[in-house]
Structures are given as C-alpha cells and as structure tokens.
Amino acid sequence: MHVQEWLETIPAVAVYVLVGVVIGVESLGIPLPGEIVLVSSALLASQHGEIDVYILGACASAGAIIGDSIGYAIGRKGGRPLLATLGRKFPKHFSEANIGLAERSFEKWGMWAVFFGRFVALLRIFAGPLAGVLRMPYWKFLTANVLGGILWAGGTTAVIYSVGVVAEAWLKRFSWLGLVLAVLIGLASMLILKNRAKKAAAEATARAEATAAAAAE
C-alpha cells in the first residue's frame, strides 16, 4: 500500500503524531523515510479538510527540532564509539566515507552545516549526533537546529500543501493528468534544489581537500 493511501486510513491526530515521531526519530540519527511521510501527509491535508496543515507543519517542525536535540545529546555523550556502533548497525548510511564527508562539511561550515543539512537527506540524519560528537557549542547548534527545522519542515509542508490545493482545482476543471503534472512539478523542483545543494557541498569539499593537499606538499 502506498504511504498516502495508508495515511488516509488513520485519524488526523494519529497523522500528526506519526509525522512528528518519524521525523524526530530520523533526526535523532536512525534512517527513516521522514521526508516521504511529510510530503504524503501534506498532500493528504490538501485533499482532506480534517487534517489541519498548520498543526501538521508544527508537529513536523517540533519532531525535527526535538529529534535533532536528542541526537546531539546522545552524540555528545557517546562520542566516537557511537559513530562506530551506528556504522555497524547502519553501514549504508554511517559508512566511513559518509562520516568523513559529514565531518568535512561541519569543519567548513560549522553551525550552518546543521542548518543546510536539513535539506540534504544524509546530513539530516548525521547533523544532531555528529554535532554532539564534535562538541559544537549547544547555543550554535540550537540556533541552526530551530531555524533549519522550521524552514525545512514548515516550508516543505506549505509547498506540498499548496501544490495539492492547486492540483485539486485543476482536477475539477481538467482531469487526473493535471493532478499528476502538478505533483511532479513540485517534486521535481525540490529534487533540483537538493541536487544543487549536494553539488555545492561536494565542490566545497573537493576544494578544501585540494587546498589541504597543496599545503601538505
């Protein structure tokens, strides 16, 4: 069953809780499809009046902020051994290469790696625990965490909800093709922005490595 079809079978309160918990657990450092659940819920809210989009966005933002904060506390207490443990349990996500890339991002951007990491799936999982492991000052982490969490969760909810509302209006005037087209355009826009963010991160890392190699010579 598709995520959105499954969400239609549960009450609105359960949708709010589900979104907050899934995003919170993902932000804590455990790989879960938080973005998929958020996008599906926002689309569902645009088609069903019983789901309040403002409450949905608030729950998503709260889950993101609280989950990241718990991840930070765990990372600060667990240190490097925690990353090794996560690497054994989730080798695909917490491989040495991925951890190295995330660390270089933190070294270059500091607290902004937490903020912009919200919009990149890999960094979204790493941000909280790694910030704690690297002993980032909590006030810096919290500032970036709150701003990034609200902008990512609230912004995604608003954009997808708006796309769904527009698509529904088109559907009444045209056909299901309008709905599919509108959703695809919205998702394509998000993917383009994400790819650009990833490319920028990769280029910045490559430049930093080149500079370090030149200095070593």
C-alpha atoms as a PDB file:
ATOM      1  CA  MET A   1       0.000   0.000   0.000  1.00  0.00           C
ATOM      2  CA  HIS A   2       1.253   3.495  -0.900  1.00  0.00           C
ATOM      3  CA  VAL A   3       2.186   5.748   2.044  1.00  0.00           C
ATOM      4  CA  GLN A   4      -0.531   8.290   1.226  1.00  0.00           C
ATOM      5  CA  GLU A   5      -3.201   5.595   0.829  1.00  0.00           C
ATOM      6  CA  TRP A   6      -2.229   4.185   4.214  1.00  0.00           C
ATOM      7  CA  LEU A   7      -2.328   7.622   5.844  1.00  0.00           C
ATOM      8  CA  GLU A   8      -5.922   8.045   4.616  1.00  0.00           C
ATOM      9  CA  THR A   9      -6.992   5.137   6.830  1.00  0.00           C
ATOM     10  CA  ILE A  10      -5.879   6.710  10.129  1.00  0.00           C
ATOM     11  CA  PRO A  11      -7.399   9.680  12.049  1.00  0.00           C
ATOM     12  CA  ALA A  12      -5.951  13.202  11.868  1.00  0.00           C
ATOM     13  CA  VAL A  13      -4.439  13.113  15.383  1.00  0.00           C
ATOM     14  CA  ALA A  14      -2.597   9.915  14.523  1.00  0.00           C
ATOM     15  CA  VAL A  15      -1.245  11.549  11.352  1.00  0.00           C
ATOM     16  CA  TYR A  16       0.150  14.468  13.407  1.00  0.00           C
ATOM     17  CA  VAL A  17       1.772  12.069  15.892  1.00  0.00           C
ATOM     18  CA  LEU A  18       3.124   9.802  13.157  1.00  0.00           C
ATOM     19  CA  VAL A  19       4.732  12.694  11.268  1.00  0.00           C
ATOM     20  CA  GLY A  20       6.318  14.125  14.422  1.00  0.00           C
ATOM     21  CA  VAL A  21       7.633  10.756  15.619  1.00  0.00           C
ATOM     22  CA  VAL A  22       9.017   9.573  12.260  1.00  0.00           C
ATOM     23  CA  ILE A  23      10.778  12.881  11.592  1.00  0.00           C
ATOM     24  CA  GLY A  24      12.004  13.013  15.194  1.00  0.00           C
ATOM     25  CA  VAL A  25      13.478   9.509  15.061  1.00  0.00           C
ATOM     26  CA  GLU A  26      15.093  10.226  11.685  1.00  0.00           C
ATOM     27  CA  SER A  27      16.596  13.464  13.049  1.00  0.00           C
ATOM     28  CA  LEU A  28      17.837  11.541  16.069  1.00  0.00           C
ATOM     29  CA  GLY A  29      20.109   9.543  13.743  1.00  0.00           C
ATOM     30  CA  ILE A  30      18.082   6.487  12.735  1.00  0.00           C
ATOM     31  CA  PRO A  31      17.389   6.232   8.974  1.00  0.00           C
ATOM     32  CA  LEU A  32      13.620   6.524   8.391  1.00  0.00           C
ATOM     33  CA  PRO A  33      11.599   7.960   5.451  1.00  0.00           C
ATOM     34  CA  GLY A  34      10.751  11.201   7.238  1.00  0.00           C
ATOM     35  CA  GLU A  35      10.558  13.295   4.092  1.00  0.00           C
ATOM     36  CA  ILE A  36       8.303  10.775   2.327  1.00  0.00           C
ATOM     37  CA  VAL A  37       5.901  10.713   5.281  1.00  0.00           C
ATOM     38  CA  LEU A  38       5.888  14.535   5.471  1.00  0.00           C
ATOM     39  CA  VAL A  39       5.234  15.002   1.741  1.00  0.00           C
ATOM     40  CA  SER A  40       2.490  12.351   1.744  1.00  0.00           C
ATOM     41  CA  SER A  41       0.840  13.917   4.803  1.00  0.00           C
ATOM     42  CA  ALA A  42       0.927  17.416   3.307  1.00  0.00           C
ATOM     43  CA  LEU A  43      -0.672  16.140   0.092  1.00  0.00           C
ATOM     44  CA  LEU A  44      -3.275  14.336   2.164  1.00  0.00           C
ATOM     45  CA  ALA A  45      -4.021  17.550   4.103  1.00  0.00           C
ATOM     46  CA  SER A  46      -4.628  19.396   0.821  1.00  0.00           C
ATOM     47  CA  GLN A  47      -7.305  16.865  -0.113  1.00  0.00           C
ATOM     48  CA  HIS A  48      -8.909  16.264   3.310  1.00  0.00           C
ATOM     49  CA  GLY A  49     -10.137  19.157   5.438  1.00  0.00           C
ATOM     50  CA  GLU A  50      -9.963  17.224   8.717  1.00  0.00           C
ATOM     51  CA  ILE A  51      -6.157  17.479   8.685  1.00  0.00           C
ATOM     52  CA  ASP A  52      -5.031  20.985   9.685  1.00  0.00           C
ATOM     53  CA  VAL A  53      -1.952  21.974   7.678  1.00  0.00           C
ATOM     54  CA  TYR A  54      -0.751  24.373  10.394  1.00  0.00           C
ATOM     55  CA  ILE A  55      -0.845  21.677  13.065  1.00  0.00           C
ATOM     56  CA  LEU A  56       0.850  19.283  10.648  1.00  0.00           C
ATOM     57  CA  GLY A  57       3.668  21.767   9.973  1.00  0.00           C
ATOM     58  CA  ALA A  58       4.050  22.484  13.694  1.00  0.00           C
ATOM     59  CA  CYS A  59       4.283  18.772  14.537  1.00  0.00           C
ATOM     60  CA  ALA A  60       6.825  18.200  11.771  1.00  0.00           C
ATOM     61  CA  SER A  61       8.924  21.156  12.968  1.00  0.00           C
ATOM     62  CA  ALA A  62       8.731  20.019  16.592  1.00  0.00           C
ATOM     63  CA  GLY A  63       9.765  16.498  15.638  1.00  0.00           C
ATOM     64  CA  ALA A  64      12.732  17.808  13.654  1.00  0.00           C
ATOM     65  CA  ILE A  65      13.943  20.126  16.430  1.00  0.00           C
ATOM     66  CA  ILE A  66      13.418  17.711  19.338  1.00  0.00           C
ATOM     67  CA  GLY A  67      14.867  14.744  17.441  1.00  0.00           C
ATOM     68  CA  ASP A  68      17.991  16.673  16.479  1.00  0.00           C
ATOM     69  CA  SER A  69      18.424  17.890  20.061  1.00  0.00           C
ATOM     70  CA  ILE A  70      18.200  14.345  21.441  1.00  0.00           C
ATOM     71  CA  GLY A  71      20.655  13.209  18.767  1.00  0.00           C
ATOM     72  CA  TYR A  72      23.036  15.990  19.831  1.00  0.00           C
ATOM     73  CA  ALA A  73      22.847  14.890  23.480  1.00  0.00           C
ATOM     74  CA  ILE A  74      23.449  11.245  22.549  1.00  0.00           C
ATOM     75  CA  GLY A  75      26.360  12.170  20.285  1.00  0.00           C
ATOM     76  CA  ARG A  76      27.956  14.375  22.946  1.00  0.00           C
ATOM     77  CA  LYS A  77      27.759  11.566  25.482  1.00  0.00           C
ATOM     78  CA  GLY A  78      28.604   8.672  23.163  1.00  0.00           C
ATOM     79  CA  GLY A  79      31.468  10.311  21.274  1.00  0.00           C
ATOM     80  CA  ARG A  80      33.376   8.465  18.549  1.00  0.00           C
ATOM     81  CA  PRO A  81      32.372   4.987  19.764  1.00  0.00           C
ATOM     82  CA  LEU A  82      28.772   5.927  18.985  1.00  0.00           C
ATOM     83  CA  LEU A  83      29.636   6.530  15.317  1.00  0.00           C
ATOM     84  CA  ALA A  84      31.367   3.156  15.176  1.00  0.00           C
ATOM     85  CA  THR A  85      28.272   1.483  16.628  1.00  0.00           C
ATOM     86  CA  LEU A  86      25.975   3.233  14.160  1.00  0.00           C
ATOM     87  CA  GLY A  87      28.336   2.217  11.363  1.00  0.00           C
ATOM     88  CA  ARG A  88      27.891  -1.451  12.281  1.00  0.00           C
ATOM     89  CA  LYS A  89      24.109  -1.169  12.557  1.00  0.00           C
ATOM     90  CA  PHE A  90      23.543   1.093   9.536  1.00  0.00           C
ATOM     91  CA  PRO A  91      26.590   0.534   7.277  1.00  0.00           C
ATOM     92  CA  LYS A  92      24.875   2.071   4.239  1.00  0.00           C
ATOM     93  CA  HIS A  93      24.278   5.415   5.951  1.00  0.00           C
ATOM     94  CA  PHE A  94      27.069   5.576   8.560  1.00  0.00           C
ATOM     95  CA  SER A  95      29.951   4.313   6.441  1.00  0.00           C
ATOM     96  CA  GLU A  96      33.411   5.804   6.989  1.00  0.00           C
ATOM     97  CA  ALA A  97      33.121   7.679   3.683  1.00  0.00           C
ATOM     98  CA  ASN A  98      29.789   9.262   4.654  1.00  0.00           C
ATOM     99  CA  ILE A  99      31.018  10.147   8.122  1.00  0.00           C
ATOM    100  CA  GLY A 100      34.138  11.709   6.620  1.00  0.00           C
ATOM    101  CA  LEU A 101      32.079  13.789   4.193  1.00  0.00           C
ATOM    102  CA  ALA A 102      29.797  14.964   7.006  1.00  0.00           C
ATOM    103  CA  GLU A 103      32.766  15.862   9.213  1.00  0.00           C
ATOM    104  CA  ARG A 104      34.382  17.925   6.446  1.00  0.00           C
ATOM    105  CA  SER A 105      31.078  19.729   5.959  1.00  0.00           C
ATOM    106  CA  PHE A 106      30.973  20.546   9.676  1.00  0.00           C
ATOM    107  CA  GLU A 107      34.584  21.699   9.698  1.00  0.00           C
ATOM    108  CA  LYS A 108      33.985  24.046   6.774  1.00  0.00           C
ATOM    109  CA  TRP A 109      30.510  25.400   7.593  1.00  0.00           C
ATOM    110  CA  GLY A 110      30.218  24.911  11.357  1.00  0.00           C
ATOM    111  CA  MET A 111      26.708  25.569  12.635  1.00  0.00           C
ATOM    112  CA  TRP A 112      25.471  26.171   9.078  1.00  0.00           C
ATOM    113  CA  ALA A 113      26.079  22.508   8.311  1.00  0.00           C
ATOM    114  CA  VAL A 114      23.259  21.791  10.769  1.00  0.00           C
ATOM    115  CA  PHE A 115      21.021  24.394   9.128  1.00  0.00           C
ATOM    116  CA  PHE A 116      21.625  23.404   5.491  1.00  0.00           C
ATOM    117  CA  GLY A 117      21.899  19.737   6.448  1.00  0.00           C
ATOM    118  CA  ARG A 118      18.139  19.778   6.990  1.00  0.00           C
ATOM    119  CA  PHE A 119      17.691  19.886   3.226  1.00  0.00           C
ATOM    120  CA  VAL A 120      20.079  17.007   2.428  1.00  0.00           C
ATOM    121  CA  ALA A 121      18.935  13.504   3.397  1.00  0.00           C
ATOM    122  CA  LEU A 122      22.353  12.242   4.523  1.00  0.00           C
ATOM    123  CA  LEU A 123      23.248  15.293   6.602  1.00  0.00           C
ATOM    124  CA  ARG A 124      19.746  15.365   8.072  1.00  0.00           C
ATOM    125  CA  ILE A 125      20.484  12.011   9.741  1.00  0.00           C
ATOM    126  CA  PHE A 126      24.030  12.975  10.780  1.00  0.00           C
ATOM    127  CA  ALA A 127      23.526  16.547  11.960  1.00  0.00           C
ATOM    128  CA  GLY A 128      22.410  16.007  15.560  1.00  0.00           C
ATOM    129  CA  PRO A 129      24.689  13.138  16.635  1.00  0.00           C
ATOM    130  CA  LEU A 130      27.739  14.448  14.763  1.00  0.00           C
ATOM    131  CA  ALA A 131      27.344  17.967  16.187  1.00  0.00           C
ATOM    132  CA  GLY A 132      27.375  16.390  19.648  1.00  0.00           C
ATOM    133  CA  VAL A 133      30.386  14.195  18.880  1.00  0.00           C
ATOM    134  CA  LEU A 134      32.311  17.218  17.575  1.00  0.00           C
ATOM    135  CA  ARG A 135      31.348  19.205  20.685  1.00  0.00           C
ATOM    136  CA  MET A 136      29.705  22.059  18.824  1.00  0.00           C
ATOM    137  CA  PRO A 137      28.589  24.728  21.350  1.00  0.00           C
ATOM    138  CA  TYR A 138      24.960  23.978  22.125  1.00  0.00           C
ATOM    139  CA  TRP A 139      23.702  27.530  21.537  1.00  0.00           C
ATOM    140  CA  LYS A 140      25.084  27.426  17.988  1.00  0.00           C
ATOM    141  CA  PHE A 141      23.603  24.002  17.378  1.00  0.00           C
ATOM    142  CA  LEU A 142      20.226  25.001  18.816  1.00  0.00           C
ATOM    143  CA  THR A 143      20.033  28.175  16.716  1.00  0.00           C
ATOM    144  CA  ALA A 144      20.769  26.333  13.471  1.00  0.00           C
ATOM    145  CA  ASN A 145      18.579  23.412  14.525  1.00  0.00           C
ATOM    146  CA  VAL A 146      15.499  25.547  15.239  1.00  0.00           C
ATOM    147  CA  LEU A 147      15.844  27.709  12.128  1.00  0.00           C
ATOM    148  CA  GLY A 148      16.589  24.756   9.857  1.00  0.00           C
ATOM    149  CA  GLY A 149      13.890  22.560  11.358  1.00  0.00           C
ATOM    150  CA  ILE A 150      11.170  25.186  10.980  1.00  0.00           C
ATOM    151  CA  LEU A 151      12.223  26.209   7.470  1.00  0.00           C
ATOM    152  CA  TRP A 152      12.559  22.623   6.204  1.00  0.00           C
ATOM    153  CA  ALA A 153       9.508  21.087   7.881  1.00  0.00           C
ATOM    154  CA  GLY A 154       7.242  24.122   7.642  1.00  0.00           C
ATOM    155  CA  GLY A 155       8.428  25.053   4.163  1.00  0.00           C
ATOM    156  CA  THR A 156       8.022  21.539   2.784  1.00  0.00           C
ATOM    157  CA  THR A 157       4.551  21.281   4.293  1.00  0.00           C
ATOM    158  CA  ALA A 158       3.491  24.651   2.858  1.00  0.00           C
ATOM    159  CA  VAL A 159       4.876  23.981  -0.634  1.00  0.00           C
ATOM    160  CA  ILE A 160       3.443  20.488  -0.995  1.00  0.00           C
ATOM    161  CA  TYR A 161       0.103  21.550   0.500  1.00  0.00           C
ATOM    162  CA  SER A 162      -0.123  24.458  -1.951  1.00  0.00           C
ATOM    163  CA  VAL A 163       0.710  22.167  -4.859  1.00  0.00           C
ATOM    164  CA  GLY A 164      -2.025  19.792  -3.719  1.00  0.00           C
ATOM    165  CA  VAL A 165      -4.627  22.572  -3.436  1.00  0.00           C
ATOM    166  CA  VAL A 166      -3.776  23.920  -6.892  1.00  0.00           C
ATOM    167  CA  ALA A 167      -3.798  20.411  -8.296  1.00  0.00           C
ATOM    168  CA  GLU A 168      -7.258  19.776  -6.847  1.00  0.00           C
ATOM    169  CA  ALA A 169      -8.589  22.927  -8.528  1.00  0.00           C
ATOM    170  CA  TRP A 170      -7.081  21.826 -11.817  1.00  0.00           C
ATOM    171  CA  LEU A 171      -8.549  18.388 -11.355  1.00  0.00           C
ATOM    172  CA  LYS A 172     -12.063  19.812 -11.157  1.00  0.00           C
ATOM    173  CA  ARG A 173     -11.540  21.729 -14.377  1.00  0.00           C
ATOM    174  CA  PHE A 174      -9.421  19.275 -16.340  1.00  0.00           C
ATOM    175  CA  SER A 175      -8.502  15.694 -15.407  1.00  0.00           C
ATOM    176  CA  TRP A 176      -6.261  13.497 -13.294  1.00  0.00           C
ATOM    177  CA  LEU A 177      -3.459  14.480 -15.659  1.00  0.00           C
ATOM    178  CA  GLY A 178      -3.426  17.944 -14.087  1.00  0.00           C
ATOM    179  CA  LEU A 179      -3.004  16.450 -10.614  1.00  0.00           C
ATOM    180  CA  VAL A 180      -0.157  14.206 -11.679  1.00  0.00           C
ATOM    181  CA  LEU A 181       1.565  17.033 -13.552  1.00  0.00           C
ATOM    182  CA  ALA A 182       1.314  19.479 -10.627  1.00  0.00           C
ATOM    183  CA  VAL A 183       2.689  16.958  -8.139  1.00  0.00           C
ATOM    184  CA  LEU A 184       5.533  16.011 -10.473  1.00  0.00           C
ATOM    185  CA  ILE A 185       6.469  19.676 -10.970  1.00  0.00           C
ATOM    186  CA  GLY A 186       6.503  20.266  -7.203  1.00  0.00           C
ATOM    187  CA  LEU A 187       8.619  17.182  -6.507  1.00  0.00           C
ATOM    188  CA  ALA A 188      10.954  17.937  -9.421  1.00  0.00           C
ATOM    189  CA  SER A 189      11.573  21.440  -8.044  1.00  0.00           C
ATOM    190  CA  MET A 190      12.507  20.023  -4.654  1.00  0.00           C
ATOM    191  CA  LEU A 191      14.847  17.448  -6.235  1.00  0.00           C
ATOM    192  CA  ILE A 192      16.585  20.115  -8.311  1.00  0.00           C
ATOM    193  CA  LEU A 193      17.208  22.234  -5.217  1.00  0.00           C
ATOM    194  CA  LYS A 194      18.532  19.212  -3.332  1.00  0.00           C
ATOM    195  CA  ASN A 195      20.861  18.191  -6.162  1.00  0.00           C
ATOM    196  CA  ARG A 196      22.252  21.717  -6.330  1.00  0.00           C
ATOM    197  CA  ALA A 197      22.862  21.684  -2.586  1.00  0.00           C
ATOM    198  CA  LYS A 198      24.651  18.322  -2.858  1.00  0.00           C
ATOM    199  CA  LYS A 199      26.800  19.530  -5.757  1.00  0.00           C
ATOM    200  CA  ALA A 200      27.732  22.674  -3.848  1.00  0.00           C
ATOM    201  CA  ALA A 201      28.706  20.574  -0.831  1.00  0.00           C
ATOM    202  CA  ALA A 202      30.780  18.187  -2.969  1.00  0.00           C
ATOM    203  CA  GLU A 203      32.569  21.062  -4.730  1.00  0.00           C
ATOM    204  CA  ALA A 204      33.319  22.781  -1.433  1.00  0.00           C
ATOM    205  CA  THR A 205      34.723  19.538  -0.004  1.00  0.00           C
ATOM    206  CA  ALA A 206      36.846  18.925  -3.106  1.00  0.00           C
ATOM    207  CA  ARG A 207      38.280  22.450  -2.912  1.00  0.00           C
ATOM    208  CA  ALA A 208      39.061  22.004   0.786  1.00  0.00           C
ATOM    209  CA  GLU A 209      40.828  18.685   0.129  1.00  0.00           C
ATOM    210  CA  ALA A 210      42.811  20.182  -2.766  1.00  0.00           C
ATOM    211  CA  THR A 211      43.891  23.092  -0.565  1.00  0.00           C
ATOM    212  CA  ALA A 212      44.930  20.731   2.234  1.00  0.00           C
ATOM    213  CA  ALA A 213      46.895  18.542  -0.205  1.00  0.00           C
ATOM    214  CA  ALA A 214      48.683  21.579  -1.666  1.00  0.00           C
ATOM    215  CA  ALA A 215      49.583  22.835   1.793  1.00  0.00           C
ATOM    216  CA  ALA A 216      50.959  19.419   2.755  1.00  0.00           C
ATOM    217  CA  GLU A 217      53.248  19.440  -0.273  1.00  0.00           C
END
